[in-house]
Protein backbone atom coordinates (compact mmCIF):
# COMPACT_ATOMS: atom_id res chain seq x y z
CA MET A 1 17.77 24.07 -25.23
CA ILE A 2 14.33 25.45 -25.93
CA GLY A 3 14.18 23.29 -29.02
CA GLN A 4 15.10 20.19 -27.05
CA PHE A 5 12.49 20.95 -24.41
CA SER A 6 9.85 21.60 -27.09
CA VAL A 7 10.58 18.21 -28.61
CA ALA A 8 10.19 16.64 -25.19
CA VAL A 9 6.81 18.33 -24.63
CA VAL A 10 5.58 17.31 -28.09
CA GLY A 11 6.65 13.76 -27.34
CA LEU A 12 4.78 13.95 -24.06
CA CYS A 13 1.64 15.13 -25.85
CA VAL A 14 1.89 12.29 -28.36
CA ALA A 15 2.35 9.80 -25.55
CA LEU A 16 -0.63 11.24 -23.71
CA SER A 17 -2.72 11.04 -26.89
CA THR A 18 -1.73 7.40 -27.34
CA TRP A 19 -2.48 6.71 -23.68
CA ALA A 20 -5.89 8.38 -23.99
CA GLN A 21 -6.86 6.32 -27.07
CA GLN A 22 -9.66 3.92 -26.25
CA ALA A 23 -8.87 0.25 -25.83
CA PRO A 24 -11.21 -2.76 -25.63
CA THR A 25 -10.71 -2.87 -21.86
CA ASP A 26 -12.25 0.60 -21.55
CA PHE A 27 -15.63 -1.00 -22.25
CA ALA A 28 -17.75 -3.14 -19.96
CA VAL A 29 -17.96 -6.12 -22.31
CA GLN A 30 -15.95 -7.36 -25.28
CA VAL A 31 -16.95 -10.30 -27.49
CA PRO A 32 -15.17 -11.76 -30.54
CA LEU A 33 -16.67 -11.46 -34.00
CA THR A 34 -16.61 -14.05 -36.78
CA VAL A 35 -16.54 -12.66 -40.33
CA SER A 36 -17.43 -14.34 -43.61
CA GLY A 37 -18.04 -13.36 -47.19
CA LYS A 38 -16.44 -10.61 -49.21
CA GLY A 39 -14.78 -7.71 -47.36
CA PRO A 40 -13.39 -5.30 -46.54
CA TRP A 41 -16.75 -4.05 -45.26
CA TYR A 42 -18.69 -6.35 -42.95
CA ARG A 43 -22.27 -6.04 -41.72
CA LEU A 44 -23.29 -7.13 -38.22
CA GLU A 45 -26.94 -7.34 -37.16
CA LEU A 46 -26.82 -6.43 -33.49
CA PRO A 47 -28.75 -8.79 -31.19
CA LEU A 48 -31.20 -7.00 -28.93
CA ALA A 49 -29.15 -8.03 -25.89
CA VAL A 50 -26.19 -6.12 -27.32
CA GLN A 51 -28.26 -2.98 -27.80
CA LEU A 52 -29.54 -3.19 -24.23
CA SER A 53 -25.96 -3.48 -22.96
CA ALA A 54 -25.05 -0.03 -24.27
CA ARG A 55 -24.66 2.80 -21.77
CA GLN A 56 -25.80 5.38 -24.30
CA ALA A 57 -29.24 5.41 -25.90
CA ASN A 58 -27.82 6.29 -29.34
CA LEU A 59 -25.35 3.33 -29.14
CA GLY A 60 -22.48 5.81 -29.21
CA ASP A 61 -20.41 3.59 -26.92
CA MET A 62 -19.92 0.79 -29.42
CA ARG A 63 -16.54 0.08 -30.99
CA VAL A 64 -14.92 -2.61 -33.15
CA PHE A 65 -11.23 -3.40 -32.58
CA ASN A 66 -8.78 -5.55 -34.54
CA ALA A 67 -6.29 -8.03 -33.06
CA GLY A 68 -3.88 -5.20 -32.31
CA GLY A 69 -6.46 -3.22 -30.34
CA GLU A 70 -6.88 -0.61 -33.08
CA PRO A 71 -10.39 0.86 -33.49
CA GLN A 72 -12.11 0.29 -36.83
CA ALA A 73 -14.11 2.83 -38.80
CA TYR A 74 -17.80 1.96 -38.57
CA ALA A 75 -21.34 3.17 -39.21
CA LEU A 76 -24.74 2.33 -37.74
CA ALA A 77 -27.72 1.56 -39.95
CA GLN A 78 -30.73 2.42 -37.83
CA GLU A 79 -34.34 3.09 -38.63
CA SER A 80 -35.50 6.53 -37.65
CA VAL A 81 -38.72 6.87 -35.68
CA SER A 82 -39.93 9.39 -38.25
CA ARG A 83 -39.06 7.10 -41.16
CA SER A 84 -41.72 7.27 -43.84
CA GLU A 85 -42.26 4.19 -45.93
CA SER A 86 -43.92 4.17 -49.31
CA HIS A 87 -46.87 1.88 -48.64
CA ARG A 88 -49.35 0.97 -51.33
CA LEU A 89 -52.53 -1.04 -50.84
CA ALA A 90 -53.72 -2.50 -54.14
CA ALA A 91 -56.76 -4.61 -54.99
CA VAL A 92 -55.90 -7.88 -56.73
CA LYS A 93 -57.96 -10.35 -58.76
CA TRP A 94 -58.81 -13.67 -57.16
CA PHE A 95 -59.72 -17.00 -58.80
CA PRO A 96 -61.27 -20.03 -57.03
CA LEU A 97 -59.38 -23.32 -56.84
CA TYR A 98 -61.61 -26.44 -56.86
CA ALA A 99 -60.93 -30.09 -56.08
CA ASP A 100 -63.06 -33.15 -55.44
CA ASP A 101 -64.48 -33.77 -51.98
CA HIS A 102 -62.45 -36.95 -51.47
CA GLY A 103 -59.32 -34.98 -50.72
CA SER A 104 -57.28 -37.13 -53.10
CA GLU A 105 -55.58 -34.10 -54.57
CA PRO A 106 -54.05 -31.92 -51.82
CA THR A 107 -53.38 -29.03 -54.21
CA PRO A 108 -56.07 -28.33 -56.81
CA GLY A 109 -54.87 -28.66 -60.39
CA VAL A 110 -55.78 -25.80 -62.68
CA ARG A 111 -55.57 -24.78 -66.32
CA ILE A 112 -54.56 -21.13 -66.59
CA GLU A 113 -55.01 -18.59 -69.34
CA SER A 114 -53.04 -15.36 -69.03
CA SER A 115 -52.44 -12.24 -71.09
CA ALA A 116 -49.14 -11.29 -72.70
CA ASN A 117 -48.00 -9.33 -69.63
CA GLY A 118 -48.75 -12.24 -67.29
CA THR A 119 -52.07 -11.01 -65.90
CA LEU A 120 -54.46 -13.90 -65.28
CA VAL A 121 -57.53 -14.03 -67.46
CA GLN A 122 -59.08 -17.39 -66.54
CA VAL A 123 -58.39 -20.23 -64.09
CA GLN A 124 -60.26 -23.52 -64.54
CA PRO A 125 -59.92 -27.04 -63.04
CA THR A 126 -57.83 -29.47 -65.08
CA THR A 127 -60.58 -32.10 -64.78
CA ALA A 128 -64.33 -31.89 -65.12
CA LEU A 129 -66.00 -31.92 -61.68
CA GLU A 130 -69.45 -33.38 -61.27
CA ALA A 131 -72.19 -31.39 -59.62
CA GLY A 132 -71.95 -31.49 -55.85
CA GLN A 133 -68.29 -32.54 -55.89
CA ASN A 134 -66.66 -29.21 -56.73
CA ILE A 135 -65.33 -28.27 -53.31
CA ARG A 136 -63.63 -24.90 -53.19
CA ARG A 137 -60.21 -25.57 -51.63
CA GLY A 138 -58.62 -22.16 -51.97
CA TRP A 139 -57.92 -19.08 -54.03
CA LEU A 140 -55.31 -17.95 -56.54
CA LEU A 141 -54.40 -14.25 -56.29
CA ASP A 142 -52.92 -12.31 -59.20
CA ALA A 143 -50.33 -9.83 -57.86
CA SER A 144 -48.47 -9.53 -61.17
CA GLY A 145 -49.25 -5.82 -61.35
CA ILE A 146 -47.34 -5.12 -58.11
CA LYS A 147 -43.59 -4.71 -58.63
CA ALA A 148 -42.58 -3.99 -55.01
CA PRO A 149 -42.06 -6.56 -52.21
CA LEU A 150 -45.31 -7.79 -50.64
CA GLN A 151 -45.78 -7.00 -46.95
CA GLN A 152 -49.39 -7.75 -46.04
CA LEU A 153 -52.47 -9.53 -47.32
CA VAL A 154 -55.96 -8.21 -46.47
CA LEU A 155 -58.97 -10.47 -47.11
CA ASP A 156 -62.73 -10.10 -46.80
CA TRP A 157 -65.21 -12.94 -47.15
CA ALA A 158 -68.93 -13.73 -47.07
CA SER A 159 -70.56 -13.21 -43.66
CA GLU A 160 -72.02 -16.73 -43.44
CA ARG A 161 -68.55 -18.09 -42.73
CA ASP A 162 -67.78 -16.60 -39.33
CA GLY A 163 -65.09 -18.11 -37.14
CA PHE A 164 -61.43 -18.85 -37.86
CA GLN A 165 -59.91 -19.40 -41.28
CA LEU A 166 -56.52 -21.18 -41.47
CA PHE A 167 -54.71 -21.60 -44.79
CA SER A 168 -51.28 -22.14 -46.29
CA ILE A 169 -49.61 -19.46 -48.42
CA GLU A 170 -47.44 -20.19 -51.45
CA ALA A 171 -45.81 -17.79 -53.91
CA SER A 172 -44.77 -18.17 -57.54
CA ASP A 173 -43.54 -16.14 -60.48
CA ASP A 174 -44.41 -18.62 -63.22
CA LEU A 175 -47.40 -20.62 -61.83
CA ARG A 176 -45.33 -23.82 -62.05
CA HIS A 177 -42.79 -23.52 -59.26
CA TRP A 178 -44.16 -22.63 -55.84
CA ARG A 179 -42.37 -21.69 -52.62
CA SER A 180 -43.89 -21.75 -49.16
CA TRP A 181 -44.62 -18.48 -47.40
CA GLY A 182 -45.92 -20.13 -44.25
CA GLU A 183 -49.48 -20.00 -42.97
CA GLY A 184 -52.16 -17.35 -42.78
CA GLN A 185 -54.97 -16.92 -40.31
CA VAL A 186 -57.99 -14.64 -40.36
CA ALA A 187 -61.03 -14.55 -38.11
CA ARG A 188 -64.46 -12.98 -37.68
CA LEU A 189 -66.18 -13.40 -34.33
CA ALA A 190 -69.16 -12.01 -32.43
CA PHE A 191 -68.20 -11.02 -28.88
CA ALA A 192 -70.12 -9.08 -26.23
CA GLY A 193 -72.56 -7.68 -28.76
CA ALA A 194 -69.83 -6.57 -31.17
CA ARG A 195 -68.05 -8.11 -34.11
CA VAL A 196 -64.30 -8.67 -33.90
CA GLU A 197 -62.42 -9.12 -37.18
CA GLN A 198 -58.87 -10.03 -38.06
CA GLN A 199 -58.42 -9.61 -41.80
CA GLU A 200 -54.68 -8.91 -42.13
CA VAL A 201 -51.98 -11.53 -42.74
CA THR A 202 -48.29 -10.65 -42.63
CA LEU A 203 -46.25 -11.58 -45.71
CA PRO A 204 -42.45 -12.04 -45.71
CA GLY A 205 -41.59 -8.85 -47.60
CA GLN A 206 -40.54 -10.57 -50.85
CA SER A 207 -41.67 -10.11 -54.42
CA ALA A 208 -44.01 -12.56 -56.17
CA ARG A 209 -46.38 -12.41 -59.12
CA TYR A 210 -48.92 -14.90 -57.78
CA LEU A 211 -50.14 -16.17 -54.41
CA ARG A 212 -51.91 -19.46 -53.75
CA LEU A 213 -54.04 -19.88 -50.61
CA ILE A 214 -55.15 -23.41 -49.68
CA TRP A 215 -57.57 -23.82 -46.76
CA LYS A 216 -56.89 -26.49 -44.14
CA GLY A 217 -59.54 -28.89 -42.91
CA GLN A 218 -62.46 -26.99 -44.41
CA PRO A 219 -63.68 -25.55 -47.71
CA ALA A 220 -62.49 -22.07 -48.53
CA PRO A 221 -64.99 -19.27 -47.92
CA MET A 222 -66.31 -17.06 -50.68
CA LEU A 223 -63.98 -14.09 -50.94
CA THR A 224 -65.52 -10.67 -51.48
CA ALA A 225 -62.29 -8.62 -51.59
CA ALA A 226 -58.53 -9.16 -51.64
CA HIS A 227 -55.86 -6.49 -51.24
CA VAL A 228 -52.07 -6.69 -51.04
CA GLN A 229 -49.92 -4.07 -49.35
CA SER A 230 -46.45 -3.49 -50.76
CA ALA A 231 -43.59 -1.16 -49.88
CA SER A 232 -40.78 0.07 -52.08
CA ASP A 233 -38.58 0.71 -49.03
CA LEU A 234 -38.75 -2.27 -46.69
CA PRO A 235 -38.09 -1.69 -42.99
CA LEU A 236 -35.26 -3.39 -41.17
CA PRO A 237 -36.20 -6.81 -39.73
CA LEU A 238 -37.51 -7.24 -36.20
CA VAL A 239 -35.41 -8.58 -33.34
CA TRP A 240 -37.21 -10.19 -30.40
CA SER A 241 -36.41 -10.01 -26.72
CA GLN A 242 -36.36 -12.76 -24.15
CA ARG A 243 -39.56 -13.29 -22.15
CA LEU A 244 -40.19 -10.50 -19.66
CA ALA A 245 -41.97 -11.12 -16.33
CA GLY A 246 -44.76 -8.75 -15.34
CA SER A 247 -47.00 -7.91 -12.42
CA ARG A 248 -50.75 -7.89 -11.80
CA LEU A 249 -52.21 -4.46 -11.02
CA LYS A 250 -55.71 -5.81 -10.46
CA THR A 251 -58.01 -8.41 -11.97
CA GLY A 252 -57.58 -8.36 -15.73
CA GLU A 253 -54.87 -5.69 -15.66
CA TYR A 254 -51.14 -6.39 -16.05
CA SER A 255 -48.01 -4.25 -16.38
CA TRP A 256 -44.41 -4.74 -17.55
CA GLN A 257 -41.26 -2.65 -17.17
CA LEU A 258 -38.95 -2.68 -20.20
CA PRO A 259 -35.17 -2.55 -19.62
CA ALA A 260 -34.97 0.81 -21.44
CA ALA A 261 -37.12 3.23 -23.39
CA LEU A 262 -37.53 1.45 -26.74
CA ASN A 263 -39.40 2.00 -29.99
CA VAL A 264 -41.43 -1.20 -29.69
CA GLN A 265 -42.97 -2.47 -32.94
CA ARG A 266 -44.71 -5.67 -31.81
CA LEU A 267 -45.63 -7.57 -28.65
CA ARG A 268 -46.14 -11.27 -28.02
CA VAL A 269 -48.30 -12.10 -24.99
CA GLU A 270 -48.01 -15.57 -23.46
CA LEU A 271 -51.22 -17.61 -23.68
CA ARG A 272 -50.51 -20.55 -21.39
CA GLN A 273 -53.93 -22.16 -21.31
CA PRO A 274 -55.59 -23.75 -24.37
CA ASN A 275 -58.99 -22.35 -25.34
CA SER A 276 -58.14 -18.84 -24.20
CA LEU A 277 -60.00 -15.87 -25.71
CA ALA A 278 -59.13 -12.32 -24.62
CA PRO A 279 -60.09 -8.96 -26.15
CA VAL A 280 -57.36 -6.60 -24.93
CA THR A 281 -56.30 -2.95 -24.96
CA LEU A 282 -52.63 -2.00 -24.57
CA TYR A 283 -51.32 1.23 -23.04
CA GLY A 284 -47.80 2.63 -22.77
CA ARG A 285 -45.73 5.44 -21.28
CA ARG A 286 -42.07 6.41 -20.76
CA GLU A 287 -42.16 7.53 -17.12
CA SER A 288 -44.22 6.56 -14.09
CA ASN A 289 -45.45 10.13 -13.62
CA GLN A 290 -46.90 10.28 -17.14
CA PRO A 291 -50.48 9.27 -18.03
CA TRP A 292 -51.07 6.00 -19.88
CA GLN A 293 -51.56 6.39 -23.63
CA PRO A 294 -53.48 3.81 -25.73
CA LEU A 295 -51.20 2.02 -28.19
CA SER A 296 -53.13 -0.92 -29.61
CA SER A 297 -56.14 -3.19 -29.18
CA GLY A 298 -57.16 -6.56 -30.53
CA LEU A 299 -58.28 -10.09 -29.86
CA LEU A 300 -55.82 -12.65 -28.49
CA TYR A 301 -56.74 -16.33 -28.63
CA ARG A 302 -55.45 -19.88 -28.43
CA LEU A 303 -58.18 -22.20 -29.67
CA THR A 304 -58.60 -25.63 -31.23
CA GLN A 305 -60.61 -25.87 -34.44
CA ASP A 306 -60.99 -28.97 -36.62
CA GLY A 307 -58.06 -30.61 -34.90
CA HIS A 308 -55.77 -27.61 -35.45
CA GLU A 309 -54.66 -25.14 -32.79
CA VAL A 310 -55.05 -21.55 -33.95
CA ILE A 311 -53.07 -18.94 -32.05
CA ARG A 312 -52.98 -15.19 -32.24
CA ASP A 313 -50.77 -13.82 -29.48
CA GLU A 314 -49.26 -10.71 -31.07
CA LEU A 315 -50.18 -7.03 -31.09
CA GLN A 316 -48.79 -4.49 -33.54
CA LEU A 317 -47.65 -1.15 -32.09
CA PRO A 318 -47.01 2.24 -33.70
CA GLY A 319 -43.29 2.15 -32.82
CA GLN A 320 -43.20 5.06 -30.37
CA SER A 321 -40.76 5.06 -27.47
CA VAL A 322 -42.11 3.43 -24.28
CA GLN A 323 -40.64 1.85 -21.17
CA GLN A 324 -43.78 0.81 -19.29
CA LEU A 325 -46.68 -1.21 -20.71
CA LYS A 326 -50.13 -2.02 -19.34
CA LEU A 327 -52.57 -4.58 -20.74
CA ASP A 328 -56.30 -4.41 -19.95
CA VAL A 329 -58.11 -7.71 -20.56
CA ASP A 330 -61.88 -7.96 -21.03
CA GLU A 331 -62.67 -10.64 -18.45
CA ARG A 332 -65.91 -11.63 -20.23
CA GLY A 333 -63.68 -13.75 -22.48
CA GLY A 334 -62.46 -15.79 -19.49
CA GLY A 335 -59.22 -13.89 -18.91
CA LEU A 336 -55.65 -15.15 -19.20
CA GLY A 337 -55.61 -17.58 -16.28
CA PRO A 338 -54.29 -17.36 -12.70
CA ASP A 339 -50.67 -16.54 -13.61
CA VAL A 340 -49.28 -13.24 -14.86
CA PRO A 341 -48.39 -13.77 -18.55
CA THR A 342 -44.86 -13.12 -19.74
CA LEU A 343 -44.24 -10.70 -22.56
CA GLY A 344 -41.89 -10.67 -25.56
CA PHE A 345 -41.27 -7.44 -27.45
CA ALA A 346 -39.71 -6.69 -30.82
CA VAL A 347 -37.84 -3.64 -32.10
CA ARG A 348 -36.32 -2.87 -35.47
CA ALA A 349 -32.86 -4.30 -35.95
CA THR A 350 -29.76 -2.10 -35.84
CA GLN A 351 -26.91 -3.02 -38.17
CA LEU A 352 -23.28 -2.11 -37.58
CA VAL A 353 -21.05 -1.89 -40.67
CA PHE A 354 -17.29 -1.68 -40.18
CA LEU A 355 -14.28 -1.38 -42.48
CA ALA A 356 -11.84 -4.16 -41.60
CA ARG A 357 -8.30 -2.84 -41.17
CA GLY A 358 -5.41 -4.75 -39.68
CA GLU A 359 -5.39 -8.37 -38.61
CA PRO A 360 -8.33 -10.40 -37.28
CA PRO A 361 -9.85 -11.52 -35.02
CA PHE A 362 -12.10 -8.53 -34.54
CA THR A 363 -13.79 -7.66 -31.26
CA LEU A 364 -17.04 -5.84 -30.56
CA ALA A 365 -16.88 -3.72 -27.40
CA VAL A 366 -19.76 -1.87 -25.72
CA GLY A 367 -20.53 -0.24 -22.40
CA ASN A 368 -18.84 3.08 -21.62
CA ALA A 369 -20.95 6.06 -20.56
CA SER A 370 -18.22 8.68 -21.05
CA VAL A 371 -16.92 8.07 -24.58
CA LYS A 372 -18.06 10.14 -27.53
CA ALA A 373 -19.83 8.58 -30.49
CA ALA A 374 -17.39 7.69 -33.28
CA ASN A 375 -19.66 6.29 -35.98
CA LEU A 376 -19.58 7.69 -39.51
CA PRO A 377 -22.43 8.12 -42.00
CA LEU A 378 -22.78 5.07 -44.23
CA ALA A 379 -22.18 7.19 -47.32
CA THR A 380 -18.83 8.27 -45.85
CA LEU A 381 -17.79 4.79 -44.75
CA ILE A 382 -18.72 3.21 -48.11
CA PRO A 383 -18.05 5.44 -51.13
CA GLY A 384 -20.87 5.16 -53.64
CA TYR A 385 -23.16 3.58 -51.02
CA ASP A 386 -26.77 2.70 -51.79
CA THR A 387 -29.28 0.57 -49.90
CA LYS A 388 -28.94 -2.40 -52.28
CA ARG A 389 -25.21 -2.55 -51.67
CA LEU A 390 -25.78 -3.18 -47.97
CA GLU A 391 -27.08 -6.68 -48.71
CA ASP A 392 -23.93 -7.59 -50.66
CA LEU A 393 -21.47 -6.83 -47.86
CA GLY A 394 -19.62 -9.51 -45.95
CA GLN A 395 -21.27 -10.88 -42.82
CA ALA A 396 -20.14 -10.59 -39.22
CA ARG A 397 -21.73 -12.25 -36.21
CA VAL A 398 -21.21 -12.35 -32.48
CA ASP A 399 -19.17 -15.45 -31.69
CA GLY A 400 -20.83 -16.97 -28.65
CA GLU A 401 -23.71 -15.94 -26.44
CA TRP A 402 -24.07 -12.39 -25.22
CA VAL A 403 -25.11 -12.38 -21.57
CA PRO A 404 -26.36 -8.90 -20.60
CA GLU A 405 -27.07 -10.07 -17.03
CA SER A 406 -23.31 -10.12 -16.39
CA LEU A 407 -22.99 -6.42 -17.08
CA PRO A 408 -22.68 -4.04 -14.13
CA ALA A 409 -25.43 -1.49 -13.69
CA PRO A 410 -24.82 1.73 -15.59
CA ALA A 411 -22.89 4.09 -13.36
CA ALA A 412 -23.92 7.69 -12.84
CA GLN A 413 -21.82 9.96 -14.98
CA GLY A 414 -19.33 11.77 -12.75
CA PRO A 415 -16.02 13.51 -13.39
CA ASP A 416 -13.80 11.82 -15.96
CA TRP A 417 -10.68 11.70 -13.76
CA LYS A 418 -8.59 10.04 -16.45
CA ARG A 419 -9.19 12.86 -18.88
CA ILE A 420 -8.75 15.51 -16.16
CA GLY A 421 -5.41 13.95 -15.19
CA LEU A 422 -4.21 13.92 -18.78
CA TRP A 423 -5.06 17.57 -19.27
CA ALA A 424 -3.40 18.48 -15.96
CA VAL A 425 -0.14 16.78 -16.97
CA LEU A 426 -0.28 18.43 -20.39
CA LEU A 427 -0.86 21.89 -18.92
CA LEU A 428 1.95 21.40 -16.42
CA GLY A 429 4.28 20.49 -19.29
CA VAL A 430 3.28 23.61 -21.24
CA ALA A 431 3.72 25.75 -18.11
CA ALA A 432 7.20 24.29 -17.56
CA LEU A 433 8.09 25.04 -21.17
CA ALA A 434 6.88 28.65 -20.79
CA ALA A 435 8.85 29.09 -17.55
CA MET A 436 12.01 27.74 -19.16
CA ALA A 437 11.60 30.06 -22.15
CA TYR A 438 10.96 33.05 -19.89
CA SER A 439 14.05 32.23 -17.78
CA LEU A 440 16.26 31.96 -20.85
CA LEU A 441 14.97 35.24 -22.27
CA ARG A 442 15.72 37.11 -19.00
CA LYS A 443 19.24 35.72 -18.75
CA PRO A 444 21.77 38.37 -19.80
CA PRO A 445 23.78 37.52 -22.89
CA ALA A 446 27.22 36.08 -22.29
CA ASN A 447 30.20 38.41 -22.71
CA LEU A 448 32.15 37.68 -25.80
């Protein structure tokens, strides 16, 4: 009889364990995932709205379920705040690109002489230019000595060419086939008795041996220095938020409250009015009772030059955790207009990698303050893992739009009555088993 009762209690424990297993409905929101590419591992770049929907700061309340409601093994690829990147700033050679002043040739043609290892030795126009007609249209930069992906371009130029410089950026590995890398913009201005310079241009984080810069609407200035910053370990990409409304503290001073304490990498300040010029200083803090700490400063502008609108509306931040931001604007530049500007912020992306088991479709669930984190290290989830392998995994994406506004406010963590009830039933079962065993042991043996 004891054996039969023991089996019953074990069965009860198994049933309780199954009952206690998390299901998609235990989470505030569930959205379907669409997968593509080669499995069985799939990589999902989490939209910022998904991250903000989590009830736990470490995203421990995220799960992936299959069609049968079974949880999937997963890992989170996140960038640590203390992450150290191997940056290298290297000087590069630069060669002028000339064309005639009629603008008949949009991209200057050149004849190039290079060494055996690809380093440029000489760059000359393909046609002879007469005196007074050799307009400098741009510069060719030799980055063939840099083997890592290119992150940033830093330029310096002769002081007689103050103002804004707008140019296109192209990249090549063979000097014949060029691919667009967008536009670059640098500036040097005198403001309130001081000089304000913007010399850095962000590059897309890809490798290239050569860069071609072609100025728009004006001759290229005389460069005096050119440097390229590279990194052997590229950071995760940025994900941007929706526009965030702010409040005016006083004239020229604005503040914003972020939805959570975040490691903000970059800000985008709305410049509604054309011909705006605003030197600014940005401050941040986590709590209202803490002092403001300076985070960044710079010159924001939205101006028209030579028929082109030049805009600089972003500030780069050190990536420390903040939840409140304050912007001080030097009103001598005219300010930012009568309305409080909106703010966009960017953080490093978080990637979720899961091992697909069972039948699709798969569901991403998030929003449960009481569950324990269940993510594995990437090296455990993917045997033989390395950073290059991450790019070759299958892709997963959120199917549809994630609407964080529909989520209920995070509840205060109180007693977990479900877990307490389960333990109470289990303990009662064990107590009943012990009482039965004790009763049987006290019963006198039957007379034979």
